[in-house]
Amino acid sequence: MTPVESAIIGTEELLSNLQASSTDLWRLVAAVLRDRSPYVVVLRKAVTAWEQREHGHWAKVSEWLAAHNVDLVTI
């Protein structure tokens, strides 16, 4: 495991952290796990809100998506 990979939060820890969030980021991660899709489609407005209201959580989710080779498609 590379230093970058070891710095990325694990799935269970991420989900646990997101349950306390006031956003629906937990549902986003759960959907990616359930559907096993190589991409996820999200409204740009939602991403902007996550960046503003839950910057730390969004950063972790974004890193997790990248580590799992899931592309974020914004519309």
PDB file of N, CA and C in Angstrom:
ATOM      1  N   MET A   1       0.850  -1.178   0.000  1.00  0.00           N
ATOM      2  CA  MET A   1       0.000   0.000   0.000  1.00  0.00           C
ATOM      3  C   MET A   1       0.898   1.246   0.000  1.00  0.00           C
ATOM      4  N   THR A   2       0.581   2.172  -0.877  1.00  0.00           N
ATOM      5  CA  THR A   2       1.370   3.399  -0.957  1.00  0.00           C
ATOM      6  C   THR A   2       0.974   4.352   0.160  1.00  0.00           C
ATOM      7  N   PRO A   3       1.806   5.364   0.462  1.00  0.00           N
ATOM      8  CA  PRO A   3       1.431   6.355   1.478  1.00  0.00           C
ATOM      9  C   PRO A   3       0.127   7.080   1.153  1.00  0.00           C
ATOM     10  N   VAL A   4      -0.115   7.323  -0.123  1.00  0.00           N
ATOM     11  CA  VAL A   4      -1.364   7.994  -0.513  1.00  0.00           C
ATOM     12  C   VAL A   4      -2.548   7.083  -0.222  1.00  0.00           C
ATOM     13  N   GLU A   5      -2.430   5.797  -0.586  1.00  0.00           N
ATOM     14  CA  GLU A   5      -3.513   4.855  -0.335  1.00  0.00           C
ATOM     15  C   GLU A   5      -3.786   4.694   1.159  1.00  0.00           C
ATOM     16  N   SER A   6      -2.748   4.677   1.962  1.00  0.00           N
ATOM     17  CA  SER A   6      -2.948   4.495   3.394  1.00  0.00           C
ATOM     18  C   SER A   6      -3.572   5.720   4.042  1.00  0.00           C
ATOM     19  N   ALA A   7      -3.453   6.885   3.400  1.00  0.00           N
ATOM     20  CA  ALA A   7      -4.041   8.106   3.942  1.00  0.00           C
ATOM     21  C   ALA A   7      -5.527   8.218   3.626  1.00  0.00           C
ATOM     22  N   ILE A   8      -6.000   7.434   2.674  1.00  0.00           N
ATOM     23  CA  ILE A   8      -7.407   7.480   2.282  1.00  0.00           C
ATOM     24  C   ILE A   8      -8.223   6.684   3.292  1.00  0.00           C
ATOM     25  N   ILE A   9      -9.294   7.283   3.720  1.00  0.00           N
ATOM     26  CA  ILE A   9     -10.153   6.689   4.739  1.00  0.00           C
ATOM     27  C   ILE A   9     -10.810   5.417   4.209  1.00  0.00           C
ATOM     28  N   GLY A  10     -10.992   4.426   5.095  1.00  0.00           N
ATOM     29  CA  GLY A  10     -11.657   3.186   4.720  1.00  0.00           C
ATOM     30  C   GLY A  10     -13.161   3.379   4.600  1.00  0.00           C
ATOM     31  N   THR A  11     -13.798   2.465   3.899  1.00  0.00           N
ATOM     32  CA  THR A  11     -15.232   2.572   3.632  1.00  0.00           C
ATOM     33  C   THR A  11     -16.060   2.576   4.908  1.00  0.00           C
ATOM     34  N   GLU A  12     -15.816   1.649   5.801  1.00  0.00           N
ATOM     35  CA  GLU A  12     -16.608   1.572   7.039  1.00  0.00           C
ATOM     36  C   GLU A  12     -16.415   2.828   7.891  1.00  0.00           C
ATOM     37  N   GLU A  13     -15.179   3.289   7.986  1.00  0.00           N
ATOM     38  CA  GLU A  13     -14.909   4.505   8.759  1.00  0.00           C
ATOM     39  C   GLU A  13     -15.584   5.713   8.115  1.00  0.00           C
ATOM     40  N   LEU A  14     -15.536   5.779   6.798  1.00  0.00           N
ATOM     41  CA  LEU A  14     -16.180   6.873   6.079  1.00  0.00           C
ATOM     42  C   LEU A  14     -17.683   6.877   6.340  1.00  0.00           C
ATOM     43  N   LEU A  15     -18.321   5.740   6.186  1.00  0.00           N
ATOM     44  CA  LEU A  15     -19.760   5.656   6.414  1.00  0.00           C
ATOM     45  C   LEU A  15     -20.115   6.022   7.850  1.00  0.00           C
ATOM     46  N   SER A  16     -19.315   5.582   8.786  1.00  0.00           N
ATOM     47  CA  SER A  16     -19.545   5.916  10.187  1.00  0.00           C
ATOM     48  C   SER A  16     -19.451   7.423  10.417  1.00  0.00           C
ATOM     49  N   ASN A  17     -18.433   8.049   9.837  1.00  0.00           N
ATOM     50  CA  ASN A  17     -18.263   9.497   9.970  1.00  0.00           C
ATOM     51  C   ASN A  17     -19.408  10.263   9.314  1.00  0.00           C
ATOM     52  N   LEU A  18     -19.889   9.778   8.196  1.00  0.00           N
ATOM     53  CA  LEU A  18     -20.921  10.492   7.447  1.00  0.00           C
ATOM     54  C   LEU A  18     -22.301  10.398   8.086  1.00  0.00           C
ATOM     55  N   GLN A  19     -22.529   9.411   8.923  1.00  0.00           N
ATOM     56  CA  GLN A  19     -23.843   9.273   9.555  1.00  0.00           C
ATOM     57  C   GLN A  19     -24.157  10.479  10.447  1.00  0.00           C
ATOM     58  N   ALA A  20     -23.137  11.137  10.957  1.00  0.00           N
ATOM     59  CA  ALA A  20     -23.344  12.317  11.810  1.00  0.00           C
ATOM     60  C   ALA A  20     -23.509  13.587  10.972  1.00  0.00           C
ATOM     61  N   SER A  21     -23.295  13.484   9.675  1.00  0.00           N
ATOM     62  CA  SER A  21     -23.381  14.645   8.787  1.00  0.00           C
ATOM     63  C   SER A  21     -24.833  15.037   8.557  1.00  0.00           C
ATOM     64  N   SER A  22     -25.047  16.328   8.346  1.00  0.00           N
ATOM     65  CA  SER A  22     -26.404  16.814   8.056  1.00  0.00           C
ATOM     66  C   SER A  22     -26.709  16.747   6.559  1.00  0.00           C
ATOM     67  N   THR A  23     -25.811  16.170   5.782  1.00  0.00           N
ATOM     68  CA  THR A  23     -25.999  16.057   4.335  1.00  0.00           C
ATOM     69  C   THR A  23     -26.366  14.621   3.966  1.00  0.00           C
ATOM     70  N   ASP A  24     -26.577  14.395   2.689  1.00  0.00           N
ATOM     71  CA  ASP A  24     -26.890  13.053   2.218  1.00  0.00           C
ATOM     72  C   ASP A  24     -25.675  12.356   1.598  1.00  0.00           C
ATOM     73  N   LEU A  25     -24.488  12.744   2.022  1.00  0.00           N
ATOM     74  CA  LEU A  25     -23.273  12.111   1.505  1.00  0.00           C
ATOM     75  C   LEU A  25     -23.236  10.617   1.829  1.00  0.00           C
ATOM     76  N   TRP A  26     -23.779  10.237   2.973  1.00  0.00           N
ATOM     77  CA  TRP A  26     -23.821   8.824   3.344  1.00  0.00           C
ATOM     78  C   TRP A  26     -24.578   8.032   2.288  1.00  0.00           C
ATOM     79  N   ARG A  27     -25.696   8.596   1.830  1.00  0.00           N
ATOM     80  CA  ARG A  27     -26.492   7.906   0.798  1.00  0.00           C
ATOM     81  C   ARG A  27     -25.733   7.793  -0.516  1.00  0.00           C
ATOM     82  N   LEU A  28     -24.934   8.793  -0.847  1.00  0.00           N
ATOM     83  CA  LEU A  28     -24.134   8.754  -2.069  1.00  0.00           C
ATOM     84  C   LEU A  28     -23.149   7.583  -2.014  1.00  0.00           C
ATOM     85  N   VAL A  29     -22.425   7.472  -0.915  1.00  0.00           N
ATOM     86  CA  VAL A  29     -21.450   6.384  -0.769  1.00  0.00           C
ATOM     87  C   VAL A  29     -22.169   5.033  -0.757  1.00  0.00           C
ATOM     88  N   ALA A  30     -23.284   4.942  -0.056  1.00  0.00           N
ATOM     89  CA  ALA A  30     -24.043   3.692  -0.002  1.00  0.00           C
ATOM     90  C   ALA A  30     -24.530   3.284  -1.400  1.00  0.00           C
ATOM     91  N   ALA A  31     -24.965   4.254  -2.194  1.00  0.00           N
ATOM     92  CA  ALA A  31     -25.432   3.962  -3.556  1.00  0.00           C
ATOM     93  C   ALA A  31     -24.289   3.452  -4.430  1.00  0.00           C
ATOM     94  N   VAL A  32     -23.124   4.050  -4.288  1.00  0.00           N
ATOM     95  CA  VAL A  32     -21.963   3.594  -5.067  1.00  0.00           C
ATOM     96  C   VAL A  32     -21.620   2.161  -4.683  1.00  0.00           C
ATOM     97  N   LEU A  33     -21.649   1.858  -3.398  1.00  0.00           N
ATOM     98  CA  LEU A  33     -21.360   0.499  -2.952  1.00  0.00           C
ATOM     99  C   LEU A  33     -22.408  -0.489  -3.455  1.00  0.00           C
ATOM    100  N   ARG A  34     -23.670  -0.093  -3.396  1.00  0.00           N
ATOM    101  CA  ARG A  34     -24.769  -0.966  -3.812  1.00  0.00           C
ATOM    102  C   ARG A  34     -24.749  -1.224  -5.319  1.00  0.00           C
ATOM    103  N   ASP A  35     -24.590  -0.152  -6.105  1.00  0.00           N
ATOM    104  CA  ASP A  35     -24.707  -0.258  -7.556  1.00  0.00           C
ATOM    105  C   ASP A  35     -23.419  -0.678  -8.253  1.00  0.00           C
ATOM    106  N   ARG A  36     -22.289  -0.480  -7.603  1.00  0.00           N
ATOM    107  CA  ARG A  36     -20.979  -0.824  -8.170  1.00  0.00           C
ATOM    108  C   ARG A  36     -20.772  -0.229  -9.562  1.00  0.00           C
ATOM    109  N   SER A  37     -21.253   0.984  -9.725  1.00  0.00           N
ATOM    110  CA  SER A  37     -21.129   1.681 -10.997  1.00  0.00           C
ATOM    111  C   SER A  37     -19.767   2.363 -11.090  1.00  0.00           C
ATOM    112  N   PRO A  38     -19.212   2.486 -12.299  1.00  0.00           N
ATOM    113  CA  PRO A  38     -17.927   3.177 -12.452  1.00  0.00           C
ATOM    114  C   PRO A  38     -18.070   4.703 -12.395  1.00  0.00           C
ATOM    115  N   TYR A  39     -19.306   5.170 -12.265  1.00  0.00           N
ATOM    116  CA  TYR A  39     -19.530   6.616 -12.158  1.00  0.00           C
ATOM    117  C   TYR A  39     -20.787   6.879 -11.333  1.00  0.00           C
ATOM    118  N   VAL A  40     -20.892   8.109 -10.838  1.00  0.00           N
ATOM    119  CA  VAL A  40     -22.072   8.542 -10.102  1.00  0.00           C
ATOM    120  C   VAL A  40     -22.447   9.925 -10.636  1.00  0.00           C
ATOM    121  N   VAL A  41     -23.737  10.137 -10.870  1.00  0.00           N
ATOM    122  CA  VAL A  41     -24.233  11.407 -11.398  1.00  0.00           C
ATOM    123  C   VAL A  41     -24.838  12.202 -10.244  1.00  0.00           C
ATOM    124  N   VAL A  42     -24.371  13.440 -10.099  1.00  0.00           N
ATOM    125  CA  VAL A  42     -24.800  14.292  -8.997  1.00  0.00           C
ATOM    126  C   VAL A  42     -25.043  15.701  -9.537  1.00  0.00           C
ATOM    127  N   LEU A  43     -26.041  16.355  -8.990  1.00  0.00           N
ATOM    128  CA  LEU A  43     -26.277  17.749  -9.366  1.00  0.00           C
ATOM    129  C   LEU A  43     -25.113  18.625  -8.922  1.00  0.00           C
ATOM    130  N   ARG A  44     -24.699  19.529  -9.784  1.00  0.00           N
ATOM    131  CA  ARG A  44     -23.604  20.450  -9.447  1.00  0.00           C
ATOM    132  C   ARG A  44     -23.970  21.265  -8.198  1.00  0.00           C
ATOM    133  N   LYS A  45     -25.243  21.596  -8.080  1.00  0.00           N
ATOM    134  CA  LYS A  45     -25.726  22.352  -6.921  1.00  0.00           C
ATOM    135  C   LYS A  45     -25.460  21.586  -5.612  1.00  0.00           C
ATOM    136  N   ALA A  46     -25.630  20.272  -5.646  1.00  0.00           N
ATOM    137  CA  ALA A  46     -25.369  19.449  -4.463  1.00  0.00           C
ATOM    138  C   ALA A  46     -23.886  19.460  -4.115  1.00  0.00           C
ATOM    139  N   VAL A  47     -23.041  19.321  -5.126  1.00  0.00           N
ATOM    140  CA  VAL A  47     -21.594  19.337  -4.889  1.00  0.00           C
ATOM    141  C   VAL A  47     -21.170  20.676  -4.285  1.00  0.00           C
ATOM    142  N   THR A  48     -21.697  21.762  -4.828  1.00  0.00           N
ATOM    143  CA  THR A  48     -21.376  23.091  -4.298  1.00  0.00           C
ATOM    144  C   THR A  48     -21.797  23.202  -2.834  1.00  0.00           C
ATOM    145  N   ALA A  49     -22.981  22.703  -2.518  1.00  0.00           N
ATOM    146  CA  ALA A  49     -23.462  22.753  -1.135  1.00  0.00           C
ATOM    147  C   ALA A  49     -22.565  21.923  -0.218  1.00  0.00           C
ATOM    148  N   TRP A  50     -22.172  20.730  -0.664  1.00  0.00           N
ATOM    149  CA  TRP A  50     -21.283  19.899   0.156  1.00  0.00           C
ATOM    150  C   TRP A  50     -19.951  20.585   0.375  1.00  0.00           C
ATOM    151  N   GLU A  51     -19.429  21.218  -0.659  1.00  0.00           N
ATOM    152  CA  GLU A  51     -18.147  21.918  -0.535  1.00  0.00           C
ATOM    153  C   GLU A  51     -18.238  23.051   0.479  1.00  0.00           C
ATOM    154  N   GLN A  52     -19.375  23.705   0.539  1.00  0.00           N
ATOM    155  CA  GLN A  52     -19.543  24.841   1.443  1.00  0.00           C
ATOM    156  C   GLN A  52     -19.907  24.412   2.862  1.00  0.00           C
ATOM    157  N   ARG A  53     -20.852  23.499   2.998  1.00  0.00           N
ATOM    158  CA  ARG A  53     -21.363  23.137   4.321  1.00  0.00           C
ATOM    159  C   ARG A  53     -20.593  22.030   5.013  1.00  0.00           C
ATOM    160  N   GLU A  54     -20.062  21.103   4.258  1.00  0.00           N
ATOM    161  CA  GLU A  54     -19.380  19.927   4.813  1.00  0.00           C
ATOM    162  C   GLU A  54     -18.072  19.685   4.073  1.00  0.00           C
ATOM    163  N   HIS A  55     -17.243  20.710   4.035  1.00  0.00           N
ATOM    164  CA  HIS A  55     -16.002  20.630   3.253  1.00  0.00           C
ATOM    165  C   HIS A  55     -15.158  19.402   3.620  1.00  0.00           C
ATOM    166  N   GLY A  56     -15.004  19.152   4.901  1.00  0.00           N
ATOM    167  CA  GLY A  56     -14.184  18.013   5.336  1.00  0.00           C
ATOM    168  C   GLY A  56     -14.755  16.682   4.905  1.00  0.00           C
ATOM    169  N   HIS A  57     -16.058  16.526   5.096  1.00  0.00           N
ATOM    170  CA  HIS A  57     -16.699  15.277   4.679  1.00  0.00           C
ATOM    171  C   HIS A  57     -16.659  15.132   3.162  1.00  0.00           C
ATOM    172  N   TRP A  58     -16.917  16.217   2.449  1.00  0.00           N
ATOM    173  CA  TRP A  58     -16.893  16.141   0.991  1.00  0.00           C
ATOM    174  C   TRP A  58     -15.498  15.762   0.493  1.00  0.00           C
ATOM    175  N   ALA A  59     -14.471  16.317   1.098  1.00  0.00           N
ATOM    176  CA  ALA A  59     -13.099  15.990   0.697  1.00  0.00           C
ATOM    177  C   ALA A  59     -12.834  14.493   0.874  1.00  0.00           C
ATOM    178  N   LYS A  60     -13.297  13.934   1.980  1.00  0.00           N
ATOM    179  CA  LYS A  60     -13.098  12.498   2.223  1.00  0.00           C
ATOM    180  C   LYS A  60     -13.869  11.649   1.216  1.00  0.00           C
ATOM    181  N   VAL A  61     -15.109  12.046   0.924  1.00  0.00           N
ATOM    182  CA  VAL A  61     -15.909  11.301  -0.052  1.00  0.00           C
ATOM    183  C   VAL A  61     -15.268  11.393  -1.436  1.00  0.00           C
ATOM    184  N   SER A  62     -14.825  12.574  -1.798  1.00  0.00           N
ATOM    185  CA  SER A  62     -14.182  12.777  -3.096  1.00  0.00           C
ATOM    186  C   SER A  62     -12.931  11.907  -3.223  1.00  0.00           C
ATOM    187  N   GLU A  63     -12.131  11.864  -2.182  1.00  0.00           N
ATOM    188  CA  GLU A  63     -10.924  11.027  -2.186  1.00  0.00           C
ATOM    189  C   GLU A  63     -11.305   9.548  -2.265  1.00  0.00           C
ATOM    190  N   TRP A  64     -12.343   9.172  -1.541  1.00  0.00           N
ATOM    191  CA  TRP A  64     -12.795   7.780  -1.539  1.00  0.00           C
ATOM    192  C   TRP A  64     -13.275   7.379  -2.933  1.00  0.00           C
ATOM    193  N   LEU A  65     -14.048   8.247  -3.581  1.00  0.00           N
ATOM    194  CA  LEU A  65     -14.512   7.963  -4.940  1.00  0.00           C
ATOM    195  C   LEU A  65     -13.323   7.756  -5.878  1.00  0.00           C
ATOM    196  N   ALA A  66     -12.351   8.645  -5.802  1.00  0.00           N
ATOM    197  CA  ALA A  66     -11.170   8.541  -6.666  1.00  0.00           C
ATOM    198  C   ALA A  66     -10.402   7.250  -6.386  1.00  0.00           C
ATOM    199  N   ALA A  67     -10.266   6.897  -5.120  1.00  0.00           N
ATOM    200  CA  ALA A  67      -9.533   5.684  -4.753  1.00  0.00           C
ATOM    201  C   ALA A  67     -10.238   4.422  -5.241  1.00  0.00           C
ATOM    202  N   HIS A  68     -11.553   4.512  -5.423  1.00  0.00           N
ATOM    203  CA  HIS A  68     -12.326   3.363  -5.898  1.00  0.00           C
ATOM    204  C   HIS A  68     -12.658   3.475  -7.389  1.00  0.00           C
ATOM    205  N   ASN A  69     -11.955   4.380  -8.062  1.00  0.00           N
ATOM    206  CA  ASN A  69     -12.109   4.554  -9.514  1.00  0.00           C
ATOM    207  C   ASN A  69     -13.550   4.827  -9.924  1.00  0.00           C
ATOM    208  N   VAL A  70     -14.226   5.646  -9.137  1.00  0.00           N
ATOM    209  CA  VAL A  70     -15.592   6.052  -9.447  1.00  0.00           C
ATOM    210  C   VAL A  70     -15.558   7.501  -9.886  1.00  0.00           C
ATOM    211  N   ASP A  71     -15.976   7.744 -11.126  1.00  0.00           N
ATOM    212  CA  ASP A  71     -15.998   9.104 -11.663  1.00  0.00           C
ATOM    213  C   ASP A  71     -17.227   9.837 -11.173  1.00  0.00           C
ATOM    214  N   LEU A  72     -17.047  11.109 -10.849  1.00  0.00           N
ATOM    215  CA  LEU A  72     -18.151  11.972 -10.445  1.00  0.00           C
ATOM    216  C   LEU A  72     -18.572  12.769 -11.663  1.00  0.00           C
ATOM    217  N   VAL A  73     -19.817  12.581 -12.074  1.00  0.00           N
ATOM    218  CA  VAL A  73     -20.374  13.295 -13.220  1.00  0.00           C
ATOM    219  C   VAL A  73     -21.365  14.300 -12.659  1.00  0.00           C
ATOM    220  N   THR A  74     -21.095  15.580 -12.899  1.00  0.00           N
ATOM    221  CA  THR A  74     -22.015  16.616 -12.398  1.00  0.00           C
ATOM    222  C   THR A  74     -22.862  17.145 -13.543  1.00  0.00           C
ATOM    223  N   ILE A  75     -24.116  17.416 -13.228  1.00  0.00           N
ATOM    224  CA  ILE A  75     -25.037  17.955 -14.224  1.00  0.00           C
ATOM    225  C   ILE A  75     -25.688  19.207 -13.684  1.00  0.00           C
TER     226      ILE A  75
END
